[in-house]
Amino acid sequence: MPVRLRPADPAVVGPALERFRAGAADGDDLRLLTKHLLALLVTKAPGGAVEVRVPPYAVAQAVAGTRHTRGTPPAVVELDAPTWIALAIGDLDWQEAERDSRLTASGERSDLSPLLPLVG
């Protein structure tokens, strides 16, 4: 059974976010922020129509619609942790990330821009 993503304690998220914005985040900060922000996405847009992949830290299914259970899902977003975090906190615009090839998004409902940022 997959591990459920849960929002992290604000007492640890705040300092990790400060280090990220200062360019001093380490792997533990990236893992924490990635999982925390994916948990916020799943809470905001529950469902299984889009698989959001942030290797090597986490994968989440979100957005209402057709749910898949095996194989490649019909909609996939894949990006690295710094890009995901920057998008989720509003430091990066979805269209800019796409234009700069910082993410790949394919399939119906894979444009997550209406859901972002997750925090200010």
PDB file of N, CA and C in Angstrom:
ATOM      1  N   MET A   1       0.849  -1.181   0.000  1.00  0.00           N
ATOM      2  CA  MET A   1       0.000   0.000   0.000  1.00  0.00           C
ATOM      3  C   MET A   1       0.896   1.247   0.000  1.00  0.00           C
ATOM      4  N   PRO A   2       0.621   2.231  -0.898  1.00  0.00           N
ATOM      5  CA  PRO A   2       1.449   3.428  -0.952  1.00  0.00           C
ATOM      6  C   PRO A   2       1.316   4.279   0.302  1.00  0.00           C
ATOM      7  N   VAL A   3       2.385   4.970   0.606  1.00  0.00           N
ATOM      8  CA  VAL A   3       2.389   5.871   1.754  1.00  0.00           C
ATOM      9  C   VAL A   3       1.556   7.104   1.399  1.00  0.00           C
ATOM     10  N   ARG A   4       0.684   7.513   2.298  1.00  0.00           N
ATOM     11  CA  ARG A   4      -0.138   8.709   2.090  1.00  0.00           C
ATOM     12  C   ARG A   4       0.687   9.947   2.381  1.00  0.00           C
ATOM     13  N   LEU A   5       0.548  10.921   1.520  1.00  0.00           N
ATOM     14  CA  LEU A   5       1.217  12.197   1.748  1.00  0.00           C
ATOM     15  C   LEU A   5       0.407  13.006   2.742  1.00  0.00           C
ATOM     16  N   ARG A   6       1.104  13.624   3.675  1.00  0.00           N
ATOM     17  CA  ARG A   6       0.437  14.452   4.681  1.00  0.00           C
ATOM     18  C   ARG A   6       1.173  15.778   4.776  1.00  0.00           C
ATOM     19  N   PRO A   7       0.426  16.876   4.963  1.00  0.00           N
ATOM     20  CA  PRO A   7       1.107  18.153   5.188  1.00  0.00           C
ATOM     21  C   PRO A   7       2.024  18.048   6.407  1.00  0.00           C
ATOM     22  N   ALA A   8       3.156  18.699   6.319  1.00  0.00           N
ATOM     23  CA  ALA A   8       4.149  18.663   7.397  1.00  0.00           C
ATOM     24  C   ALA A   8       3.855  19.747   8.434  1.00  0.00           C
ATOM     25  N   ASP A   9       4.489  19.619   9.553  1.00  0.00           N
ATOM     26  CA  ASP A   9       4.374  20.578  10.649  1.00  0.00           C
ATOM     27  C   ASP A   9       4.898  21.942  10.182  1.00  0.00           C
ATOM     28  N   PRO A  10       4.086  23.001  10.323  1.00  0.00           N
ATOM     29  CA  PRO A  10       4.534  24.341   9.915  1.00  0.00           C
ATOM     30  C   PRO A  10       5.847  24.773  10.571  1.00  0.00           C
ATOM     31  N   ALA A  11       6.138  24.244  11.745  1.00  0.00           N
ATOM     32  CA  ALA A  11       7.377  24.602  12.440  1.00  0.00           C
ATOM     33  C   ALA A  11       8.618  24.110  11.698  1.00  0.00           C
ATOM     34  N   VAL A  12       8.486  23.065  10.886  1.00  0.00           N
ATOM     35  CA  VAL A  12       9.620  22.595  10.092  1.00  0.00           C
ATOM     36  C   VAL A  12       9.538  23.076   8.646  1.00  0.00           C
ATOM     37  N   VAL A  13       8.320  23.316   8.173  1.00  0.00           N
ATOM     38  CA  VAL A  13       8.148  23.793   6.796  1.00  0.00           C
ATOM     39  C   VAL A  13       8.704  25.206   6.642  1.00  0.00           C
ATOM     40  N   GLY A  14       8.412  26.091   7.601  1.00  0.00           N
ATOM     41  CA  GLY A  14       8.855  27.485   7.511  1.00  0.00           C
ATOM     42  C   GLY A  14      10.347  27.639   7.327  1.00  0.00           C
ATOM     43  N   PRO A  15      11.150  27.045   8.203  1.00  0.00           N
ATOM     44  CA  PRO A  15      12.606  27.150   8.030  1.00  0.00           C
ATOM     45  C   PRO A  15      13.105  26.511   6.728  1.00  0.00           C
ATOM     46  N   ALA A  16      12.520  25.383   6.336  1.00  0.00           N
ATOM     47  CA  ALA A  16      12.926  24.738   5.077  1.00  0.00           C
ATOM     48  C   ALA A  16      12.608  25.649   3.893  1.00  0.00           C
ATOM     49  N   LEU A  17      11.463  26.298   3.943  1.00  0.00           N
ATOM     50  CA  LEU A  17      11.071  27.227   2.880  1.00  0.00           C
ATOM     51  C   LEU A  17      12.008  28.437   2.836  1.00  0.00           C
ATOM     52  N   GLU A  18      12.402  28.924   3.993  1.00  0.00           N
ATOM     53  CA  GLU A  18      13.369  30.037   4.040  1.00  0.00           C
ATOM     54  C   GLU A  18      14.699  29.628   3.411  1.00  0.00           C
ATOM     55  N   ARG A  19      15.160  28.414   3.728  1.00  0.00           N
ATOM     56  CA  ARG A  19      16.419  27.942   3.137  1.00  0.00           C
ATOM     57  C   ARG A  19      16.266  27.774   1.630  1.00  0.00           C
ATOM     58  N   PHE A  20      15.119  27.276   1.182  1.00  0.00           N
ATOM     59  CA  PHE A  20      14.885  27.113  -0.253  1.00  0.00           C
ATOM     60  C   PHE A  20      14.959  28.458  -0.964  1.00  0.00           C
ATOM     61  N   ARG A  21      14.255  29.434  -0.428  1.00  0.00           N
ATOM     62  CA  ARG A  21      14.242  30.758  -1.067  1.00  0.00           C
ATOM     63  C   ARG A  21      15.611  31.435  -1.011  1.00  0.00           C
ATOM     64  N   ALA A  22      16.428  31.071  -0.058  1.00  0.00           N
ATOM     65  CA  ALA A  22      17.778  31.628   0.055  1.00  0.00           C
ATOM     66  C   ALA A  22      18.791  30.860  -0.796  1.00  0.00           C
ATOM     67  N   GLY A  23      18.345  29.777  -1.433  1.00  0.00           N
ATOM     68  CA  GLY A  23      19.242  28.966  -2.245  1.00  0.00           C
ATOM     69  C   GLY A  23      20.117  28.038  -1.434  1.00  0.00           C
ATOM     70  N   ALA A  24      19.708  27.762  -0.199  1.00  0.00           N
ATOM     71  CA  ALA A  24      20.516  26.931   0.692  1.00  0.00           C
ATOM     72  C   ALA A  24      19.830  25.630   1.095  1.00  0.00           C
ATOM     73  N   ALA A  25      18.794  25.223   0.374  1.00  0.00           N
ATOM     74  CA  ALA A  25      18.068  24.000   0.716  1.00  0.00           C
ATOM     75  C   ALA A  25      18.914  22.773   0.404  1.00  0.00           C
ATOM     76  N   ASP A  26      18.888  21.797   1.312  1.00  0.00           N
ATOM     77  CA  ASP A  26      19.577  20.538   1.064  1.00  0.00           C
ATOM     78  C   ASP A  26      18.550  19.479   0.649  1.00  0.00           C
ATOM     79  N   GLY A  27      19.003  18.264   0.473  1.00  0.00           N
ATOM     80  CA  GLY A  27      18.118  17.184   0.037  1.00  0.00           C
ATOM     81  C   GLY A  27      16.971  16.925   0.990  1.00  0.00           C
ATOM     82  N   ASP A  28      17.232  17.031   2.292  1.00  0.00           N
ATOM     83  CA  ASP A  28      16.160  16.826   3.270  1.00  0.00           C
ATOM     84  C   ASP A  28      15.095  17.913   3.147  1.00  0.00           C
ATOM     85  N   ASP A  29      15.527  19.152   2.907  1.00  0.00           N
ATOM     86  CA  ASP A  29      14.565  20.250   2.711  1.00  0.00           C
ATOM     87  C   ASP A  29      13.740  20.014   1.457  1.00  0.00           C
ATOM     88  N   LEU A  30      14.396  19.607   0.368  1.00  0.00           N
ATOM     89  CA  LEU A  30      13.665  19.363  -0.883  1.00  0.00           C
ATOM     90  C   LEU A  30      12.643  18.246  -0.712  1.00  0.00           C
ATOM     91  N   ARG A  31      13.034  17.182  -0.017  1.00  0.00           N
ATOM     92  CA  ARG A  31      12.108  16.058   0.225  1.00  0.00           C
ATOM     93  C   ARG A  31      10.914  16.521   1.058  1.00  0.00           C
ATOM     94  N   LEU A  32      11.181  17.225   2.131  1.00  0.00           N
ATOM     95  CA  LEU A  32      10.124  17.712   3.011  1.00  0.00           C
ATOM     96  C   LEU A  32       9.165  18.627   2.254  1.00  0.00           C
ATOM     97  N   LEU A  33       9.700  19.613   1.561  1.00  0.00           N
ATOM     98  CA  LEU A  33       8.848  20.576   0.856  1.00  0.00           C
ATOM     99  C   LEU A  33       8.089  19.924  -0.295  1.00  0.00           C
ATOM    100  N   THR A  34       8.747  19.026  -1.017  1.00  0.00           N
ATOM    101  CA  THR A  34       8.078  18.325  -2.117  1.00  0.00           C
ATOM    102  C   THR A  34       6.866  17.558  -1.608  1.00  0.00           C
ATOM    103  N   LYS A  35       7.061  16.745  -0.582  1.00  0.00           N
ATOM    104  CA  LYS A  35       5.964  15.934  -0.058  1.00  0.00           C
ATOM    105  C   LYS A  35       4.882  16.802   0.574  1.00  0.00           C
ATOM    106  N   HIS A  36       5.281  17.824   1.308  1.00  0.00           N
ATOM    107  CA  HIS A  36       4.322  18.729   1.933  1.00  0.00           C
ATOM    108  C   HIS A  36       3.450  19.404   0.874  1.00  0.00           C
ATOM    109  N   LEU A  37       4.076  19.935  -0.160  1.00  0.00           N
ATOM    110  CA  LEU A  37       3.325  20.662  -1.185  1.00  0.00           C
ATOM    111  C   LEU A  37       2.483  19.733  -2.050  1.00  0.00           C
ATOM    112  N   LEU A  38       2.949  18.512  -2.290  1.00  0.00           N
ATOM    113  CA  LEU A  38       2.099  17.540  -2.988  1.00  0.00           C
ATOM    114  C   LEU A  38       0.884  17.189  -2.132  1.00  0.00           C
ATOM    115  N   ALA A  39       1.065  17.072  -0.830  1.00  0.00           N
ATOM    116  CA  ALA A  39      -0.068  16.808   0.065  1.00  0.00           C
ATOM    117  C   ALA A  39      -1.078  17.946  -0.003  1.00  0.00           C
ATOM    118  N   LEU A  40      -0.598  19.189  -0.076  1.00  0.00           N
ATOM    119  CA  LEU A  40      -1.516  20.330  -0.213  1.00  0.00           C
ATOM    120  C   LEU A  40      -2.255  20.282  -1.543  1.00  0.00           C
ATOM    121  N   LEU A  41      -1.559  19.879  -2.615  1.00  0.00           N
ATOM    122  CA  LEU A  41      -2.209  19.752  -3.920  1.00  0.00           C
ATOM    123  C   LEU A  41      -3.319  18.709  -3.878  1.00  0.00           C
ATOM    124  N   VAL A  42      -3.020  17.554  -3.289  1.00  0.00           N
ATOM    125  CA  VAL A  42      -4.014  16.470  -3.202  1.00  0.00           C
ATOM    126  C   VAL A  42      -5.219  16.914  -2.371  1.00  0.00           C
ATOM    127  N   THR A  43      -4.974  17.705  -1.335  1.00  0.00           N
ATOM    128  CA  THR A  43      -6.073  18.220  -0.514  1.00  0.00           C
ATOM    129  C   THR A  43      -6.916  19.213  -1.303  1.00  0.00           C
ATOM    130  N   LYS A  44      -6.259  20.055  -2.068  1.00  0.00           N
ATOM    131  CA  LYS A  44      -6.953  21.090  -2.844  1.00  0.00           C
ATOM    132  C   LYS A  44      -7.692  20.503  -4.049  1.00  0.00           C
ATOM    133  N   ALA A  45      -7.098  19.492  -4.680  1.00  0.00           N
ATOM    134  CA  ALA A  45      -7.677  18.903  -5.897  1.00  0.00           C
ATOM    135  C   ALA A  45      -7.620  17.383  -5.809  1.00  0.00           C
ATOM    136  N   PRO A  46      -8.465  16.796  -4.943  1.00  0.00           N
ATOM    137  CA  PRO A  46      -8.426  15.342  -4.803  1.00  0.00           C
ATOM    138  C   PRO A  46      -8.876  14.643  -6.084  1.00  0.00           C
ATOM    139  N   GLY A  47      -8.340  13.475  -6.296  1.00  0.00           N
ATOM    140  CA  GLY A  47      -8.726  12.688  -7.460  1.00  0.00           C
ATOM    141  C   GLY A  47      -7.551  11.875  -7.955  1.00  0.00           C
ATOM    142  N   GLY A  48      -7.720  11.297  -9.113  1.00  0.00           N
ATOM    143  CA  GLY A  48      -6.671  10.451  -9.660  1.00  0.00           C
ATOM    144  C   GLY A  48      -6.459  10.636 -11.141  1.00  0.00           C
ATOM    145  N   ALA A  49      -6.900  11.764 -11.710  1.00  0.00           N
ATOM    146  CA  ALA A  49      -6.796  11.972 -13.150  1.00  0.00           C
ATOM    147  C   ALA A  49      -5.396  12.384 -13.594  1.00  0.00           C
ATOM    148  N   VAL A  50      -4.616  12.972 -12.708  1.00  0.00           N
ATOM    149  CA  VAL A  50      -3.275  13.436 -13.059  1.00  0.00           C
ATOM    150  C   VAL A  50      -2.273  12.871 -12.068  1.00  0.00           C
ATOM    151  N   GLU A  51      -1.209  12.313 -12.603  1.00  0.00           N
ATOM    152  CA  GLU A  51      -0.127  11.843 -11.750  1.00  0.00           C
ATOM    153  C   GLU A  51       0.975  12.888 -11.797  1.00  0.00           C
ATOM    154  N   VAL A  52       1.353  13.385 -10.634  1.00  0.00           N
ATOM    155  CA  VAL A  52       2.422  14.375 -10.528  1.00  0.00           C
ATOM    156  C   VAL A  52       3.655  13.649  -9.996  1.00  0.00           C
ATOM    157  N   ARG A  53       4.702  13.657 -10.814  1.00  0.00           N
ATOM    158  CA  ARG A  53       5.934  12.937 -10.473  1.00  0.00           C
ATOM    159  C   ARG A  53       7.044  13.944 -10.186  1.00  0.00           C
ATOM    160  N   VAL A  54       7.628  13.806  -8.996  1.00  0.00           N
ATOM    161  CA  VAL A  54       8.754  14.653  -8.604  1.00  0.00           C
ATOM    162  C   VAL A  54       9.871  13.715  -8.131  1.00  0.00           C
ATOM    163  N   PRO A  55      10.571  13.104  -9.106  1.00  0.00           N
ATOM    164  CA  PRO A  55      11.624  12.175  -8.710  1.00  0.00           C
ATOM    165  C   PRO A  55      12.797  12.909  -8.086  1.00  0.00           C
ATOM    166  N   PRO A  56      13.470  12.287  -7.145  1.00  0.00           N
ATOM    167  CA  PRO A  56      13.234  10.962  -6.584  1.00  0.00           C
ATOM    168  C   PRO A  56      12.362  10.989  -5.334  1.00  0.00           C
ATOM    169  N   TYR A  57      11.687  12.110  -5.071  1.00  0.00           N
ATOM    170  CA  TYR A  57      11.052  12.300  -3.771  1.00  0.00           C
ATOM    171  C   TYR A  57       9.636  11.760  -3.614  1.00  0.00           C
ATOM    172  N   ALA A  58       8.787  11.953  -4.602  1.00  0.00           N
ATOM    173  CA  ALA A  58       7.391  11.539  -4.399  1.00  0.00           C
ATOM    174  C   ALA A  58       6.605  11.550  -5.704  1.00  0.00           C
ATOM    175  N   VAL A  59       5.489  10.856  -5.653  1.00  0.00           N
ATOM    176  CA  VAL A  59       4.494  10.826  -6.729  1.00  0.00           C
ATOM    177  C   VAL A  59       3.147  10.978  -6.065  1.00  0.00           C
ATOM    178  N   ALA A  60       2.263  11.741  -6.700  1.00  0.00           N
ATOM    179  CA  ALA A  60       0.914  11.906  -6.154  1.00  0.00           C
ATOM    180  C   ALA A  60      -0.091  11.905  -7.287  1.00  0.00           C
ATOM    181  N   GLN A  61      -1.267  11.425  -6.974  1.00  0.00           N
ATOM    182  CA  GLN A  61      -2.376  11.510  -7.916  1.00  0.00           C
ATOM    183  C   GLN A  61      -3.343  12.560  -7.403  1.00  0.00           C
ATOM    184  N   ALA A  62      -3.778  13.425  -8.319  1.00  0.00           N
ATOM    185  CA  ALA A  62      -4.658  14.525  -7.953  1.00  0.00           C
ATOM    186  C   ALA A  62      -5.591  14.835  -9.114  1.00  0.00           C
ATOM    187  N   VAL A  63      -6.486  15.718  -8.911  1.00  0.00           N
ATOM    188  CA  VAL A  63      -7.430  16.268  -9.883  1.00  0.00           C
ATOM    189  C   VAL A  63      -8.543  15.258 -10.192  1.00  0.00           C
ATOM    190  N   ALA A  64      -9.753  15.711 -10.035  1.00  0.00           N
ATOM    191  CA  ALA A  64     -10.922  14.867 -10.280  1.00  0.00           C
ATOM    192  C   ALA A  64     -10.985  14.457 -11.749  1.00  0.00           C
ATOM    193  N   GLY A  65     -11.504  13.281 -11.985  1.00  0.00           N
ATOM    194  CA  GLY A  65     -11.661  12.767 -13.344  1.00  0.00           C
ATOM    195  C   GLY A  65     -11.376  11.284 -13.372  1.00  0.00           C
ATOM    196  N   THR A  66     -11.080  10.797 -14.544  1.00  0.00           N
ATOM    197  CA  THR A  66     -10.808   9.384 -14.737  1.00  0.00           C
ATOM    198  C   THR A  66      -9.632   8.945 -13.880  1.00  0.00           C
ATOM    199  N   ARG A  67      -9.822   7.880 -13.154  1.00  0.00           N
ATOM    200  CA  ARG A  67      -8.760   7.360 -12.285  1.00  0.00           C
ATOM    201  C   ARG A  67      -8.125   6.158 -12.968  1.00  0.00           C
ATOM    202  N   HIS A  68      -6.818   6.071 -12.880  1.00  0.00           N
ATOM    203  CA  HIS A  68      -6.120   4.903 -13.418  1.00  0.00           C
ATOM    204  C   HIS A  68      -5.579   4.081 -12.257  1.00  0.00           C
ATOM    205  N   THR A  69      -5.392   2.794 -12.499  1.00  0.00           N
ATOM    206  CA  THR A  69      -4.890   1.938 -11.430  1.00  0.00           C
ATOM    207  C   THR A  69      -3.623   1.191 -11.819  1.00  0.00           C
ATOM    208  N   ARG A  70      -3.352   1.079 -13.130  1.00  0.00           N
ATOM    209  CA  ARG A  70      -2.154   0.358 -13.574  1.00  0.00           C
ATOM    210  C   ARG A  70      -1.603   1.013 -14.821  1.00  0.00           C
ATOM    211  N   GLY A  71      -0.298   0.867 -14.989  1.00  0.00           N
ATOM    212  CA  GLY A  71       0.336   1.375 -16.193  1.00  0.00           C
ATOM    213  C   GLY A  71       0.482   2.890 -16.182  1.00  0.00           C
ATOM    214  N   THR A  72       0.756   3.423 -17.348  1.00  0.00           N
ATOM    215  CA  THR A  72       0.944   4.864 -17.484  1.00  0.00           C
ATOM    216  C   THR A  72      -0.403   5.566 -17.414  1.00  0.00           C
ATOM    217  N   PRO A  73      -0.527   6.550 -16.546  1.00  0.00           N
ATOM    218  CA  PRO A  73      -1.794   7.272 -16.425  1.00  0.00           C
ATOM    219  C   PRO A  73      -2.055   8.143 -17.652  1.00  0.00           C
ATOM    220  N   PRO A  74      -3.311   8.536 -17.869  1.00  0.00           N
ATOM    221  CA  PRO A  74      -3.649   9.351 -19.036  1.00  0.00           C
ATOM    222  C   PRO A  74      -3.090  10.772 -18.973  1.00  0.00           C
ATOM    223  N   ALA A  75      -2.806  11.284 -17.798  1.00  0.00           N
ATOM    224  CA  ALA A  75      -2.235  12.623 -17.656  1.00  0.00           C
ATOM    225  C   ALA A  75      -1.086  12.566 -16.658  1.00  0.00           C
ATOM    226  N   VAL A  76       0.056  13.095 -17.067  1.00  0.00           N
ATOM    227  CA  VAL A  76       1.256  13.048 -16.230  1.00  0.00           C
ATOM    228  C   VAL A  76       1.937  14.408 -16.250  1.00  0.00           C
ATOM    229  N   VAL A  77       2.364  14.836 -15.083  1.00  0.00           N
ATOM    230  CA  VAL A  77       3.219  16.005 -14.949  1.00  0.00           C
ATOM    231  C   VAL A  77       4.486  15.514 -14.277  1.00  0.00           C
ATOM    232  N   GLU A  78       5.631  15.824 -14.876  1.00  0.00           N
ATOM    233  CA  GLU A  78       6.895  15.422 -14.268  1.00  0.00           C
ATOM    234  C   GLU A  78       7.833  16.626 -14.233  1.00  0.00           C
ATOM    235  N   LEU A  79       8.462  16.812 -13.080  1.00  0.00           N
ATOM    236  CA  LEU A  79       9.359  17.942 -12.886  1.00  0.00           C
ATOM    237  C   LEU A  79      10.286  17.662 -11.720  1.00  0.00           C
ATOM    238  N   ASP A  80      11.356  18.429 -11.634  1.00  0.00           N
ATOM    239  CA  ASP A  80      12.269  18.234 -10.519  1.00  0.00           C
ATOM    240  C   ASP A  80      11.751  18.970  -9.280  1.00  0.00           C
ATOM    241  N   ALA A  81      12.338  18.660  -8.151  1.00  0.00           N
ATOM    242  CA  ALA A  81      11.869  19.218  -6.880  1.00  0.00           C
ATOM    243  C   ALA A  81      11.954  20.746  -6.831  1.00  0.00           C
ATOM    244  N   PRO A  82      13.066  21.364  -7.222  1.00  0.00           N
ATOM    245  CA  PRO A  82      13.099  22.823  -7.156  1.00  0.00           C
ATOM    246  C   PRO A  82      12.028  23.496  -8.019  1.00  0.00           C
ATOM    247  N   THR A  83      11.754  22.922  -9.178  1.00  0.00           N
ATOM    248  CA  THR A  83      10.707  23.489 -10.035  1.00  0.00           C
ATOM    249  C   THR A  83       9.345  23.328  -9.384  1.00  0.00           C
ATOM    250  N   TRP A  84       9.050  22.136  -8.854  1.00  0.00           N
ATOM    251  CA  TRP A  84       7.771  21.904  -8.196  1.00  0.00           C
ATOM    252  C   TRP A  84       7.572  22.864  -7.022  1.00  0.00           C
ATOM    253  N   ILE A  85       8.581  22.986  -6.208  1.00  0.00           N
ATOM    254  CA  ILE A  85       8.467  23.846  -5.027  1.00  0.00           C
ATOM    255  C   ILE A  85       8.247  25.297  -5.452  1.00  0.00           C
ATOM    256  N   ALA A  86       9.034  25.766  -6.415  1.00  0.00           N
ATOM    257  CA  ALA A  86       8.892  27.149  -6.879  1.00  0.00           C
ATOM    258  C   ALA A  86       7.498  27.407  -7.451  1.00  0.00           C
ATOM    259  N   LEU A  87       6.958  26.459  -8.206  1.00  0.00           N
ATOM    260  CA  LEU A  87       5.595  26.598  -8.731  1.00  0.00           C
ATOM    261  C   LEU A  87       4.573  26.636  -7.597  1.00  0.00           C
ATOM    262  N   ALA A  88       4.714  25.709  -6.666  1.00  0.00           N
ATOM    263  CA  ALA A  88       3.729  25.558  -5.598  1.00  0.00           C
ATOM    264  C   ALA A  88       3.704  26.735  -4.635  1.00  0.00           C
ATOM    265  N   ILE A  89       4.838  27.437  -4.501  1.00  0.00           N
ATOM    266  CA  ILE A  89       4.868  28.579  -3.579  1.00  0.00           C
ATOM    267  C   ILE A  89       4.702  29.913  -4.310  1.00  0.00           C
ATOM    268  N   GLY A  90       4.551  29.850  -5.624  1.00  0.00           N
ATOM    269  CA  GLY A  90       4.295  31.071  -6.381  1.00  0.00           C
ATOM    270  C   GLY A  90       5.530  31.831  -6.819  1.00  0.00           C
ATOM    271  N   ASP A  91       6.709  31.218  -6.715  1.00  0.00           N
ATOM    272  CA  ASP A  91       7.940  31.872  -7.150  1.00  0.00           C
ATOM    273  C   ASP A  91       8.219  31.642  -8.633  1.00  0.00           C
ATOM    274  N   LEU A  92       7.448  30.771  -9.278  1.00  0.00           N
ATOM    275  CA  LEU A  92       7.623  30.450 -10.694  1.00  0.00           C
ATOM    276  C   LEU A  92       6.253  30.292 -11.328  1.00  0.00           C
ATOM    277  N   ASP A  93       6.110  30.792 -12.531  1.00  0.00           N
ATOM    278  CA  ASP A  93       4.863  30.701 -13.289  1.00  0.00           C
ATOM    279  C   ASP A  93       4.867  29.426 -14.143  1.00  0.00           C
ATOM    280  N   TRP A  94       3.718  28.752 -14.213  1.00  0.00           N
ATOM    281  CA  TRP A  94       3.583  27.502 -14.968  1.00  0.00           C
ATOM    282  C   TRP A  94       4.031  27.667 -16.416  1.00  0.00           C
ATOM    283  N   GLN A  95       3.542  28.721 -17.088  1.00  0.00           N
ATOM    284  CA  GLN A  95       3.882  28.924 -18.493  1.00  0.00           C
ATOM    285  C   GLN A  95       5.386  29.140 -18.680  1.00  0.00           C
ATOM    286  N   GLU A  96       6.012  29.843 -17.745  1.00  0.00           N
ATOM    287  CA  GLU A  96       7.458  30.049 -17.809  1.00  0.00           C
ATOM    288  C   GLU A  96       8.189  28.717 -17.647  1.00  0.00           C
ATOM    289  N   ALA A  97       7.745  27.894 -16.722  1.00  0.00           N
ATOM    290  CA  ALA A  97       8.370  26.588 -16.511  1.00  0.00           C
ATOM    291  C   ALA A  97       8.216  25.711 -17.746  1.00  0.00           C
ATOM    292  N   GLU A  98       7.053  25.742 -18.371  1.00  0.00           N
ATOM    293  CA  GLU A  98       6.849  24.975 -19.607  1.00  0.00           C
ATOM    294  C   GLU A  98       7.741  25.501 -20.724  1.00  0.00           C
ATOM    295  N   ARG A  99       7.756  26.809 -20.896  1.00  0.00           N
ATOM    296  CA  ARG A  99       8.547  27.435 -21.959  1.00  0.00           C
ATOM    297  C   ARG A  99      10.034  27.094 -21.803  1.00  0.00           C
ATOM    298  N   ASP A 100      10.510  27.065 -20.568  1.00  0.00           N
ATOM    299  CA  ASP A 100      11.921  26.779 -20.299  1.00  0.00           C
ATOM    300  C   ASP A 100      12.219  25.280 -20.176  1.00  0.00           C
ATOM    301  N   SER A 101      11.231  24.445 -20.512  1.00  0.00           N
ATOM    302  CA  SER A 101      11.371  22.981 -20.443  1.00  0.00           C
ATOM    303  C   SER A 101      11.757  22.492 -19.056  1.00  0.00           C
ATOM    304  N   ARG A 102      11.232  23.151 -18.039  1.00  0.00           N
ATOM    305  CA  ARG A 102      11.500  22.733 -16.661  1.00  0.00           C
ATOM    306  C   ARG A 102      10.492  21.700 -16.181  1.00  0.00           C
ATOM    307  N   LEU A 103       9.454  21.453 -16.994  1.00  0.00           N
ATOM    308  CA  LEU A 103       8.468  20.430 -16.661  1.00  0.00           C
ATOM    309  C   LEU A 103       7.952  19.829 -17.945  1.00  0.00           C
ATOM    310  N   THR A 104       7.397  18.614 -17.820  1.00  0.00           N
ATOM    311  CA  THR A 104       6.664  18.014 -18.923  1.00  0.00           C
ATOM    312  C   THR A 104       5.264  17.740 -18.420  1.00  0.00           C
ATOM    313  N   ALA A 105       4.296  18.064 -19.243  1.00  0.00           N
ATOM    314  CA  ALA A 105       2.893  17.844 -18.888  1.00  0.00           C
ATOM    315  C   ALA A 105       2.192  17.295 -20.122  1.00  0.00           C
ATOM    316  N   SER A 106       1.572  16.134 -19.968  1.00  0.00           N
ATOM    317  CA  SER A 106       0.876  15.534 -21.092  1.00  0.00           C
ATOM    318  C   SER A 106      -0.467  14.995 -20.634  1.00  0.00           C
ATOM    319  N   GLY A 107      -1.426  15.051 -21.527  1.00  0.00           N
ATOM    320  CA  GLY A 107      -2.738  14.500 -21.249  1.00  0.00           C
ATOM    321  C   GLY A 107      -3.716  15.542 -20.747  1.00  0.00           C
ATOM    322  N   GLU A 108      -4.969  15.155 -20.801  1.00  0.00           N
ATOM    323  CA  GLU A 108      -6.063  16.008 -20.362  1.00  0.00           C
ATOM    324  C   GLU A 108      -5.925  16.337 -18.874  1.00  0.00           C
ATOM    325  N   ARG A 109      -6.169  17.566 -18.515  1.00  0.00           N
ATOM    326  CA  ARG A 109      -6.124  18.078 -17.138  1.00  0.00           C
ATOM    327  C   ARG A 109      -4.711  18.220 -16.570  1.00  0.00           C
ATOM    328  N   SER A 110      -3.686  18.076 -17.402  1.00  0.00           N
ATOM    329  CA  SER A 110      -2.324  18.134 -16.860  1.00  0.00           C
ATOM    330  C   SER A 110      -1.833  19.555 -16.598  1.00  0.00           C
ATOM    331  N   ASP A 111      -2.554  20.562 -17.044  1.00  0.00           N
ATOM    332  CA  ASP A 111      -2.175  21.942 -16.746  1.00  0.00           C
ATOM    333  C   ASP A 111      -2.647  22.265 -15.336  1.00  0.00           C
ATOM    334  N   LEU A 112      -1.717  22.330 -14.411  1.00  0.00           N
ATOM    335  CA  LEU A 112      -2.060  22.575 -13.011  1.00  0.00           C
ATOM    336  C   LEU A 112      -2.062  24.059 -12.653  1.00  0.00           C
ATOM    337  N   SER A 113      -1.825  24.937 -13.610  1.00  0.00           N
ATOM    338  CA  SER A 113      -1.705  26.354 -13.315  1.00  0.00           C
ATOM    339  C   SER A 113      -2.908  26.958 -12.586  1.00  0.00           C
ATOM    340  N   PRO A 114      -4.149  26.508 -12.867  1.00  0.00           N
ATOM    341  CA  PRO A 114      -5.274  27.084 -12.106  1.00  0.00           C
ATOM    342  C   PRO A 114      -5.251  26.738 -10.616  1.00  0.00           C
ATOM    343  N   LEU A 115      -4.475  25.714 -10.243  1.00  0.00           N
ATOM    344  CA  LEU A 115      -4.402  25.285  -8.840  1.00  0.00           C
ATOM    345  C   LEU A 115      -3.242  25.918  -8.081  1.00  0.00           C
ATOM    346  N   LEU A 116      -2.371  26.602  -8.796  1.00  0.00           N
ATOM    347  CA  LEU A 116      -1.153  27.138  -8.200  1.00  0.00           C
ATOM    348  C   LEU A 116      -1.192  28.647  -8.091  1.00  0.00           C
ATOM    349  N   PRO A 117      -0.525  29.227  -7.128  1.00  0.00           N
ATOM    350  CA  PRO A 117       0.280  28.586  -6.102  1.00  0.00           C
ATOM    351  C   PRO A 117      -0.589  27.981  -5.006  1.00  0.00           C
ATOM    352  N   LEU A 118       0.013  27.074  -4.268  1.00  0.00           N
ATOM    353  CA  LEU A 118      -0.675  26.417  -3.147  1.00  0.00           C
ATOM    354  C   LEU A 118      -0.523  27.202  -1.857  1.00  0.00           C
ATOM    355  N   VAL A 119       0.558  27.948  -1.756  1.00  0.00           N
ATOM    356  CA  VAL A 119       0.821  28.817  -0.609  1.00  0.00           C
ATOM    357  C   VAL A 119       1.393  30.123  -1.143  1.00  0.00           C
ATOM    358  N   GLY A 120       1.328  31.173  -0.341  1.00  0.00           N
ATOM    359  CA  GLY A 120       1.800  32.467  -0.823  1.00  0.00           C
ATOM    360  C   GLY A 120       3.126  32.826  -0.403  1.00  0.00           C
TER     361      GLY A 120
END
